[in-house]
Amino acid sequence: MEARLSAVRSASHAVRARYDAVRARSLALAAPLSAEDQCVQSMPDASPTKWHLAHTSWFFETVVLQPQARGYRPFDPHYGYLFNSYYEALGPRHPRPQRGLLTRPSADEVLRYRAHVDVAMRRFIETADAATWAAASALVELGLQHEQQHQELILTDLKHLLAGNPLQPAAYDAGLRCHPAPVAGDAPAWRRRTDGLAHVGADPQAVFAFDNETPRHRVLLRAHRIAARPVSCGEYLAFIRDGGYRRATLWLSDGWAAVQAQGWEAPLYWSGLDQDRPTVYTLYGPRPLEPDQPVCHLSFYEAAAYAEWAGARLPTEFEWEAAAADGVLGGVGEVWEWTRSSYDPYPGFRPMAGAVSEYNGKFMVGQLVLRGGSCATPAGHARPSYRNFFPPATRWQFSGLRLAAEA
């Protein structure tokens, strides 16, 4: 009996430590920012830092504490409306494009909200009985994974905001990883794969996977080649200087329309193309473009146009996953890599139960899959089976590409 009790206590301490670490990192990302930095919304697809901090707390409050923690009282009954993101089953919500209008509650009040939720979550983790914990433990883990996703969004959304400031200020110093590391050298080598079956999707024994990574299944891959590293800034600059943004034949129709409508001439955050060495805005402030760094902040359309120019194509998500699982890809984790695969359910896909059934499945239309993780992805969060997804015109994420070709 004592051994069992000791094991239970050890497990709860481990969950508590993980909870504290994830929550602390969110606060660390916000700490250097002013209250003004945390309130502004630069576009409808981005959210203010303050909103991210509140929303991730709302998730624990609404999905874990209110249904499972006996006697829990919400911090403020209005917050369910203010900080719900897209969960129809959980009630109405403040419009996403208007999150920047939420000057109230203040940044300090949001921190008090987080502290309130943290006290209740720690108590719940440490005192829940076996039956309650069995029902809630998967939701607690989902809440932690969810918060890590929002930590990445804090960085990408903040970068879009500060890049629009004429002063182009730095948000962080080099102690925080939020810029891709060099991966290029000579021309990239190619990894070859012959025809055959491959297993894709999350291992059923994995500690955690999102529902869109399941079920694990087999796919038939045709013989192909995949580049050993992502495309570099120097290589993409050659595409630009060869008229890549002026040659309609390289572009998908919707992509060419976007180029014309948006006036695209380079990846997002690049400037000074008329100079020998352009500059790029980073969360460390403006920096000279480094040719050996992986190119990022590309839309799917730009990635596909570059691949066409290079006489290649984008890999499918399953070609990418099979190569990553085999350990033959270099530079993984510096930039998200666009694939040529639409974001579709796997055969036999079933969403999570309850309110969180809306987490992934309802977005499986009109989006493309990206793989690999980026410099903004929390350590240990990405894995070969992880499926990120965005509409094809999205550019504010740390998104680049890796080439593939027929064998």
Protein backbone atom coordinates (compact mmCIF):
# COMPACT_ATOMS: atom_id res chain seq x y z
CA MET A 1 0.00 0.00 0.00
CA GLU A 2 2.80 2.39 0.94
CA ALA A 3 4.65 1.61 -2.30
CA ARG A 4 1.54 2.39 -4.33
CA LEU A 5 0.95 5.64 -2.46
CA SER A 6 4.57 6.62 -3.00
CA ALA A 7 4.26 5.97 -6.74
CA VAL A 8 1.10 8.10 -6.92
CA ARG A 9 2.80 10.96 -5.10
CA SER A 10 5.87 10.71 -7.33
CA ALA A 11 3.69 10.85 -10.46
CA SER A 12 1.77 13.88 -9.18
CA HIS A 13 5.03 15.66 -8.35
CA ALA A 14 6.27 15.03 -11.90
CA VAL A 15 3.07 16.42 -13.42
CA ARG A 16 3.19 19.41 -11.07
CA ALA A 17 6.80 20.12 -12.07
CA ARG A 18 5.97 19.89 -15.75
CA TYR A 19 2.94 22.12 -15.29
CA ASP A 20 5.01 24.73 -13.47
CA ALA A 21 7.75 24.66 -16.13
CA VAL A 22 5.35 25.14 -19.05
CA ARG A 23 3.45 27.92 -17.34
CA ALA A 24 6.68 29.67 -16.32
CA ARG A 25 7.97 29.73 -19.89
CA SER A 26 4.87 31.60 -21.07
CA LEU A 27 5.52 34.25 -18.43
CA ALA A 28 9.20 34.40 -19.39
CA LEU A 29 8.25 35.15 -23.01
CA ALA A 30 6.03 38.00 -21.86
CA ALA A 31 8.36 39.43 -19.21
CA PRO A 32 10.47 41.68 -21.49
CA LEU A 33 7.35 43.15 -23.13
CA SER A 34 5.53 46.30 -22.13
CA ALA A 35 1.80 46.34 -21.44
CA GLU A 36 1.41 48.11 -24.80
CA ASP A 37 3.39 45.37 -26.59
CA GLN A 38 1.05 42.78 -25.10
CA CYS A 39 -2.23 44.42 -26.10
CA VAL A 40 -1.90 45.27 -29.81
CA GLN A 41 -3.21 42.96 -32.55
CA SER A 42 -1.37 43.45 -35.85
CA MET A 43 -3.76 41.46 -38.06
CA PRO A 44 -6.80 39.18 -37.68
CA ASP A 45 -4.69 35.99 -37.81
CA ALA A 46 -2.47 37.13 -34.93
CA SER A 47 -3.39 37.62 -31.29
CA PRO A 48 -1.98 39.89 -28.58
CA THR A 49 0.43 38.32 -26.10
CA LYS A 50 -1.95 39.20 -23.25
CA TRP A 51 -4.73 37.27 -24.98
CA HIS A 52 -2.50 34.18 -25.35
CA LEU A 53 -1.65 34.29 -21.64
CA ALA A 54 -5.33 34.52 -20.72
CA HIS A 55 -6.60 31.99 -23.27
CA THR A 56 -4.23 29.25 -22.13
CA SER A 57 -5.45 29.82 -18.57
CA TRP A 58 -9.06 29.77 -19.76
CA PHE A 59 -8.37 26.36 -21.32
CA PHE A 60 -7.29 24.83 -18.00
CA GLU A 61 -10.11 26.58 -16.16
CA THR A 62 -12.83 25.51 -18.61
CA VAL A 63 -11.68 22.05 -19.70
CA VAL A 64 -10.14 20.76 -16.46
CA LEU A 65 -11.09 22.74 -13.36
CA GLN A 66 -14.75 23.54 -13.86
CA PRO A 67 -15.77 19.96 -14.81
CA GLN A 68 -13.39 18.11 -12.46
CA ALA A 69 -12.26 20.23 -9.48
CA ARG A 70 -14.95 20.17 -6.81
CA GLY A 71 -15.87 23.63 -5.56
CA TYR A 72 -13.82 25.53 -8.13
CA ARG A 73 -15.06 29.04 -8.85
CA PRO A 74 -14.08 30.87 -12.05
CA PHE A 75 -11.91 33.94 -11.59
CA ASP A 76 -14.32 36.12 -13.58
CA PRO A 77 -17.52 34.92 -15.30
CA HIS A 78 -16.88 37.30 -18.23
CA TYR A 79 -13.62 35.59 -19.18
CA GLY A 80 -15.38 32.65 -20.79
CA TYR A 81 -16.63 35.04 -23.45
CA LEU A 82 -13.41 37.04 -23.77
CA PHE A 83 -10.92 34.17 -24.03
CA ASN A 84 -12.70 31.29 -25.76
CA SER A 85 -11.01 30.85 -29.13
CA TYR A 86 -13.20 28.73 -31.41
CA TYR A 87 -15.03 26.17 -29.25
CA GLU A 88 -18.66 26.35 -30.31
CA ALA A 89 -19.68 23.82 -27.67
CA LEU A 90 -18.35 26.12 -24.94
CA GLY A 91 -20.43 29.12 -25.84
CA PRO A 92 -20.19 32.47 -27.65
CA ARG A 93 -16.91 34.39 -27.85
CA HIS A 94 -15.40 37.77 -28.58
CA PRO A 95 -14.64 38.07 -32.34
CA ARG A 96 -11.13 36.98 -33.20
CA PRO A 97 -10.25 40.05 -35.35
CA GLN A 98 -11.13 42.31 -32.40
CA ARG A 99 -8.88 40.82 -29.72
CA GLY A 100 -6.69 43.93 -29.88
CA LEU A 101 -9.61 45.98 -28.52
CA LEU A 102 -9.41 44.21 -25.16
CA THR A 103 -7.55 46.93 -23.27
CA ARG A 104 -9.43 45.59 -20.25
CA PRO A 105 -8.68 43.39 -18.42
CA SER A 106 -5.21 44.84 -17.96
CA ALA A 107 -2.00 42.86 -18.34
CA ASP A 108 -1.67 42.82 -14.54
CA GLU A 109 -5.20 41.48 -14.18
CA VAL A 110 -4.41 38.70 -16.66
CA LEU A 111 -1.40 37.76 -14.52
CA ARG A 112 -3.68 37.58 -11.48
CA TYR A 113 -6.00 35.34 -13.50
CA ARG A 114 -3.10 33.03 -14.34
CA ALA A 115 -2.07 32.91 -10.69
CA HIS A 116 -5.63 32.02 -9.66
CA VAL A 117 -5.77 29.17 -12.16
CA ASP A 118 -2.28 27.97 -11.17
CA VAL A 119 -3.19 27.69 -7.49
CA ALA A 120 -6.27 25.65 -8.36
CA MET A 121 -4.44 23.45 -10.88
CA ARG A 122 -1.63 22.64 -8.47
CA ARG A 123 -4.12 21.71 -5.79
CA PHE A 124 -6.05 19.58 -8.28
CA ILE A 125 -2.94 17.76 -9.52
CA GLU A 126 -1.83 16.99 -5.97
CA THR A 127 -5.18 15.98 -4.45
CA ALA A 128 -7.38 14.47 -7.20
CA ASP A 129 -8.50 10.94 -6.36
CA ALA A 130 -7.73 8.07 -8.71
CA ALA A 131 -11.05 8.13 -10.55
CA THR A 132 -10.99 11.90 -11.07
CA TRP A 133 -7.39 11.84 -12.24
CA ALA A 134 -8.14 9.03 -14.69
CA ALA A 135 -10.78 11.27 -16.29
CA ALA A 136 -8.66 14.43 -16.24
CA SER A 137 -5.02 13.45 -16.78
CA ALA A 138 -5.24 13.38 -20.58
CA LEU A 139 -6.88 16.82 -20.56
CA VAL A 140 -4.14 18.21 -18.32
CA GLU A 141 -1.52 16.96 -20.77
CA LEU A 142 -3.50 18.39 -23.67
CA GLY A 143 -3.62 21.72 -21.85
CA LEU A 144 0.18 21.71 -21.51
CA GLN A 145 0.69 20.84 -25.16
CA HIS A 146 -1.85 23.51 -26.08
CA GLU A 147 0.02 26.12 -24.05
CA GLN A 148 3.27 25.19 -25.79
CA GLN A 149 1.57 25.77 -29.12
CA HIS A 150 0.57 29.21 -27.91
CA GLN A 151 4.12 29.93 -26.77
CA GLU A 152 5.14 29.53 -30.39
CA LEU A 153 2.28 31.78 -31.46
CA ILE A 154 3.38 34.43 -28.96
CA LEU A 155 6.70 34.63 -30.82
CA THR A 156 5.29 34.60 -34.35
CA ASP A 157 2.50 37.06 -33.55
CA LEU A 158 4.86 39.38 -31.67
CA LYS A 159 7.32 39.34 -34.58
CA HIS A 160 4.57 40.40 -36.99
CA LEU A 161 3.59 43.20 -34.62
CA LEU A 162 7.05 44.62 -33.98
CA ALA A 163 8.11 44.35 -37.62
CA GLY A 164 5.41 46.90 -38.39
CA ASN A 165 6.88 49.38 -35.93
CA PRO A 166 9.05 51.96 -37.76
CA LEU A 167 11.68 51.57 -35.03
CA GLN A 168 11.83 47.80 -35.65
CA PRO A 169 12.71 47.17 -32.00
CA ALA A 170 14.23 44.02 -30.58
CA ALA A 171 12.02 41.96 -28.29
CA TYR A 172 14.66 39.61 -26.90
CA ASP A 173 18.39 39.09 -26.67
CA ALA A 174 20.28 36.14 -28.10
CA GLY A 175 19.65 34.12 -24.95
CA LEU A 176 16.22 33.21 -26.29
CA ARG A 177 16.15 31.00 -29.36
CA CYS A 178 13.83 32.61 -31.91
CA HIS A 179 15.86 32.74 -35.15
CA PRO A 180 16.88 29.84 -37.42
CA ALA A 181 20.44 28.54 -37.17
CA PRO A 182 22.58 28.08 -40.33
CA VAL A 183 22.10 24.77 -42.13
CA ALA A 184 23.55 25.36 -45.58
CA GLY A 185 26.96 24.74 -47.04
CA ASP A 186 27.57 23.26 -50.41
CA ALA A 187 24.76 22.18 -52.72
CA PRO A 188 22.40 19.93 -50.72
CA ALA A 189 22.78 16.18 -50.95
CA TRP A 190 19.76 14.03 -51.79
CA ARG A 191 18.40 11.08 -49.85
CA ARG A 192 16.86 8.37 -52.00
CA ARG A 193 14.01 6.04 -51.19
CA THR A 194 12.76 3.15 -53.26
CA ASP A 195 9.17 2.10 -53.81
CA GLY A 196 7.61 0.58 -50.73
CA LEU A 197 5.33 0.83 -47.73
CA ALA A 198 5.98 3.13 -44.78
CA HIS A 199 4.28 3.49 -41.42
CA VAL A 200 3.11 7.03 -40.67
CA GLY A 201 1.28 8.61 -37.79
CA ALA A 202 1.90 8.57 -34.06
CA ASP A 203 3.07 5.39 -32.38
CA PRO A 204 0.16 4.09 -30.26
CA GLN A 205 2.63 3.78 -27.36
CA ALA A 206 3.68 7.44 -27.59
CA VAL A 207 3.33 9.44 -24.39
CA PHE A 208 1.32 12.07 -26.26
CA ALA A 209 0.05 12.79 -29.77
CA PHE A 210 -2.65 15.09 -31.08
CA ASP A 211 -5.68 13.37 -32.56
CA ASN A 212 -4.75 14.53 -36.08
CA GLU A 213 -1.62 12.35 -35.90
CA THR A 214 -3.73 9.22 -35.54
CA PRO A 215 -4.37 6.46 -36.32
CA ARG A 216 -1.00 5.08 -37.36
CA HIS A 217 -1.29 3.43 -40.75
CA ARG A 218 0.66 2.32 -43.80
CA VAL A 219 1.12 4.31 -46.99
CA LEU A 220 2.67 3.37 -50.30
CA LEU A 221 5.54 5.66 -51.31
CA ARG A 222 6.85 5.82 -54.84
CA ALA A 223 10.59 6.01 -55.37
CA HIS A 224 11.75 9.58 -54.81
CA ARG A 225 14.55 11.82 -53.61
CA ILE A 226 14.39 14.33 -50.77
CA ALA A 227 16.94 17.03 -49.99
CA ALA A 228 19.17 16.53 -46.97
CA ARG A 229 18.56 20.09 -45.75
CA PRO A 230 16.09 22.95 -46.17
CA VAL A 231 16.52 25.61 -48.87
CA SER A 232 18.79 28.44 -47.73
CA CYS A 233 18.38 32.21 -47.88
CA GLY A 234 21.20 32.43 -50.39
CA GLU A 235 19.50 29.94 -52.69
CA TYR A 236 16.19 31.73 -52.40
CA LEU A 237 17.88 35.06 -53.12
CA ALA A 238 19.11 33.58 -56.40
CA PHE A 239 15.49 32.75 -57.26
CA ILE A 240 14.48 36.35 -56.58
CA ARG A 241 17.31 37.80 -58.66
CA ASP A 242 16.42 35.47 -61.51
CA GLY A 243 13.01 37.14 -61.67
CA GLY A 244 11.19 34.53 -59.62
CA TYR A 245 8.48 36.96 -58.51
CA ARG A 246 7.98 38.24 -62.07
CA ARG A 247 7.57 34.94 -63.92
CA ALA A 248 3.98 33.78 -63.88
CA THR A 249 4.87 30.37 -65.32
CA LEU A 250 6.52 29.39 -62.02
CA TRP A 251 3.43 30.01 -59.93
CA LEU A 252 0.18 28.29 -59.16
CA SER A 253 -2.75 30.41 -60.28
CA ASP A 254 -3.83 31.42 -56.78
CA GLY A 255 -0.23 32.11 -55.86
CA TRP A 256 0.32 34.40 -58.84
CA ALA A 257 -2.89 36.25 -57.92
CA ALA A 258 -1.52 36.71 -54.38
CA VAL A 259 1.78 38.04 -55.72
CA GLN A 260 -0.07 40.61 -57.81
CA ALA A 261 -2.59 41.57 -55.11
CA GLN A 262 -0.13 41.74 -52.21
CA GLY A 263 2.89 43.07 -54.08
CA TRP A 264 5.14 40.25 -52.88
CA GLU A 265 8.77 40.61 -53.96
CA ALA A 266 10.55 38.58 -51.28
CA PRO A 267 9.83 36.60 -48.11
CA LEU A 268 8.10 38.46 -45.30
CA TYR A 269 10.48 40.65 -43.26
CA TRP A 270 13.14 40.93 -46.01
CA SER A 271 14.19 44.41 -47.16
CA GLY A 272 17.00 46.10 -49.08
CA LEU A 273 16.86 43.79 -52.07
CA ASP A 274 18.59 46.46 -54.15
CA GLN A 275 21.66 46.15 -51.91
CA ASP A 276 24.44 43.57 -52.03
CA ARG A 277 23.27 42.10 -48.75
CA PRO A 278 19.60 42.54 -47.86
CA THR A 279 18.41 42.77 -44.28
CA VAL A 280 15.80 40.75 -42.42
CA TYR A 281 13.78 41.72 -39.37
CA THR A 282 14.19 39.31 -36.44
CA LEU A 283 13.01 39.32 -32.85
CA TYR A 284 16.56 40.46 -32.07
CA GLY A 285 16.00 43.48 -34.34
CA PRO A 286 17.12 43.97 -37.98
CA ARG A 287 20.04 41.81 -39.11
CA PRO A 288 21.96 41.28 -42.35
CA LEU A 289 20.54 38.35 -44.28
CA GLU A 290 22.72 35.28 -43.74
CA PRO A 291 22.96 33.17 -46.92
CA ASP A 292 23.48 29.93 -44.98
CA GLN A 293 20.36 30.25 -42.86
CA PRO A 294 17.22 28.43 -43.98
CA VAL A 295 14.79 30.73 -45.75
CA CYS A 296 11.62 31.30 -43.76
CA HIS A 297 8.39 33.30 -43.67
CA LEU A 298 7.34 31.89 -47.02
CA SER A 299 3.81 31.09 -48.10
CA PHE A 300 3.07 27.71 -49.63
CA TYR A 301 2.78 29.52 -52.95
CA GLU A 302 6.31 30.90 -52.69
CA ALA A 303 7.66 27.50 -51.66
CA ALA A 304 5.97 25.81 -54.62
CA ALA A 305 7.22 28.49 -57.05
CA TYR A 306 10.79 28.07 -55.82
CA ALA A 307 10.54 24.30 -56.20
CA GLU A 308 9.30 24.76 -59.79
CA TRP A 309 12.19 27.13 -60.52
CA ALA A 310 14.65 24.61 -59.07
CA GLY A 311 13.30 21.80 -61.25
CA ALA A 312 11.95 19.93 -58.26
CA ARG A 313 8.79 19.79 -56.13
CA LEU A 314 7.70 19.85 -52.51
CA PRO A 315 7.63 16.50 -50.69
CA THR A 316 4.39 14.96 -49.58
CA GLU A 317 3.91 14.87 -45.84
CA PHE A 318 4.40 11.11 -45.85
CA GLU A 319 7.66 11.30 -47.82
CA TRP A 320 8.83 13.83 -45.25
CA GLU A 321 7.76 11.77 -42.25
CA ALA A 322 9.30 8.56 -43.54
CA ALA A 323 12.64 10.30 -44.14
CA ALA A 324 12.52 12.01 -40.73
CA ALA A 325 11.75 8.72 -39.01
CA ASP A 326 14.75 7.17 -40.78
CA GLY A 327 16.94 9.96 -39.45
CA VAL A 328 18.23 11.08 -42.86
CA LEU A 329 17.08 14.71 -42.77
CA GLY A 330 19.35 17.51 -41.61
CA GLY A 331 18.25 20.93 -40.43
CA VAL A 332 14.96 19.70 -38.99
CA GLY A 333 13.53 22.05 -36.38
CA GLU A 334 14.83 25.32 -37.78
CA VAL A 335 11.83 26.17 -39.98
CA TRP A 336 8.47 24.55 -40.56
CA GLU A 337 8.58 22.91 -43.98
CA TRP A 338 5.67 23.15 -46.40
CA THR A 339 4.57 19.88 -47.97
CA ARG A 340 2.42 19.23 -51.02
CA SER A 341 -0.22 17.47 -48.89
CA SER A 342 -3.60 18.89 -48.02
CA TYR A 343 -4.61 18.70 -44.38
CA ASP A 344 -6.94 15.70 -44.42
CA PRO A 345 -8.01 13.13 -41.83
CA TYR A 346 -6.14 9.86 -41.72
CA PRO A 347 -8.12 6.69 -42.54
CA GLY A 348 -10.16 5.87 -39.45
CA PHE A 349 -9.57 9.28 -37.82
CA ARG A 350 -11.66 10.01 -34.76
CA PRO A 351 -11.48 13.35 -32.94
CA MET A 352 -11.00 13.56 -29.19
CA ALA A 353 -14.13 13.24 -27.09
CA GLY A 354 -16.04 16.11 -25.51
CA ALA A 355 -15.51 19.81 -26.06
CA VAL A 356 -11.95 19.24 -27.29
CA SER A 357 -13.32 17.32 -30.28
CA GLU A 358 -13.15 20.74 -31.99
CA TYR A 359 -9.38 20.98 -31.44
CA ASN A 360 -8.23 19.80 -34.88
CA GLY A 361 -10.76 17.94 -36.96
CA LYS A 362 -12.99 20.82 -38.00
CA PHE A 363 -10.04 22.56 -39.68
CA MET A 364 -9.39 19.72 -42.12
CA VAL A 365 -10.27 21.64 -45.28
CA GLY A 366 -8.49 24.29 -47.36
CA GLN A 367 -5.15 24.00 -45.55
CA LEU A 368 -1.71 22.53 -46.30
CA VAL A 369 0.46 20.46 -43.98
CA LEU A 370 3.84 21.62 -42.67
CA ARG A 371 6.33 19.37 -40.92
CA GLY A 372 9.38 19.57 -38.72
CA GLY A 373 9.04 22.39 -36.18
CA SER A 374 10.90 25.70 -36.10
CA CYS A 375 13.25 27.78 -33.99
CA ALA A 376 10.13 29.06 -32.21
CA THR A 377 8.80 25.59 -31.36
CA PRO A 378 9.29 24.68 -27.67
CA ALA A 379 11.99 22.08 -27.08
CA GLY A 380 10.63 18.55 -27.25
CA HIS A 381 7.29 19.62 -28.66
CA ALA A 382 7.80 18.56 -32.29
CA ARG A 383 8.20 14.98 -33.52
CA PRO A 384 8.23 13.24 -36.94
CA SER A 385 4.47 12.61 -36.85
CA TYR A 386 3.51 16.18 -35.83
CA ARG A 387 1.22 17.83 -38.38
CA ASN A 388 1.10 21.61 -38.49
CA PHE A 389 -1.31 23.24 -40.92
CA PHE A 390 -2.05 26.66 -42.37
CA PRO A 391 -3.82 28.17 -45.38
CA PRO A 392 -1.48 28.42 -48.39
CA ALA A 393 -1.04 32.21 -48.29
CA THR A 394 0.22 32.20 -44.66
CA ARG A 395 3.61 33.90 -44.26
CA TRP A 396 3.98 35.05 -40.65
CA GLN A 397 4.98 31.63 -39.36
CA PHE A 398 8.60 30.42 -39.47
CA SER A 399 7.82 28.45 -42.63
CA GLY A 400 10.32 27.37 -45.29
CA LEU A 401 10.80 24.40 -47.57
CA ARG A 402 12.80 21.33 -48.47
CA LEU A 403 12.93 20.04 -52.03
CA ALA A 404 11.91 16.64 -53.32
CA ALA A 405 12.01 15.06 -56.76
CA GLU A 406 11.22 11.83 -58.53
CA ALA A 407 13.88 9.13 -58.34
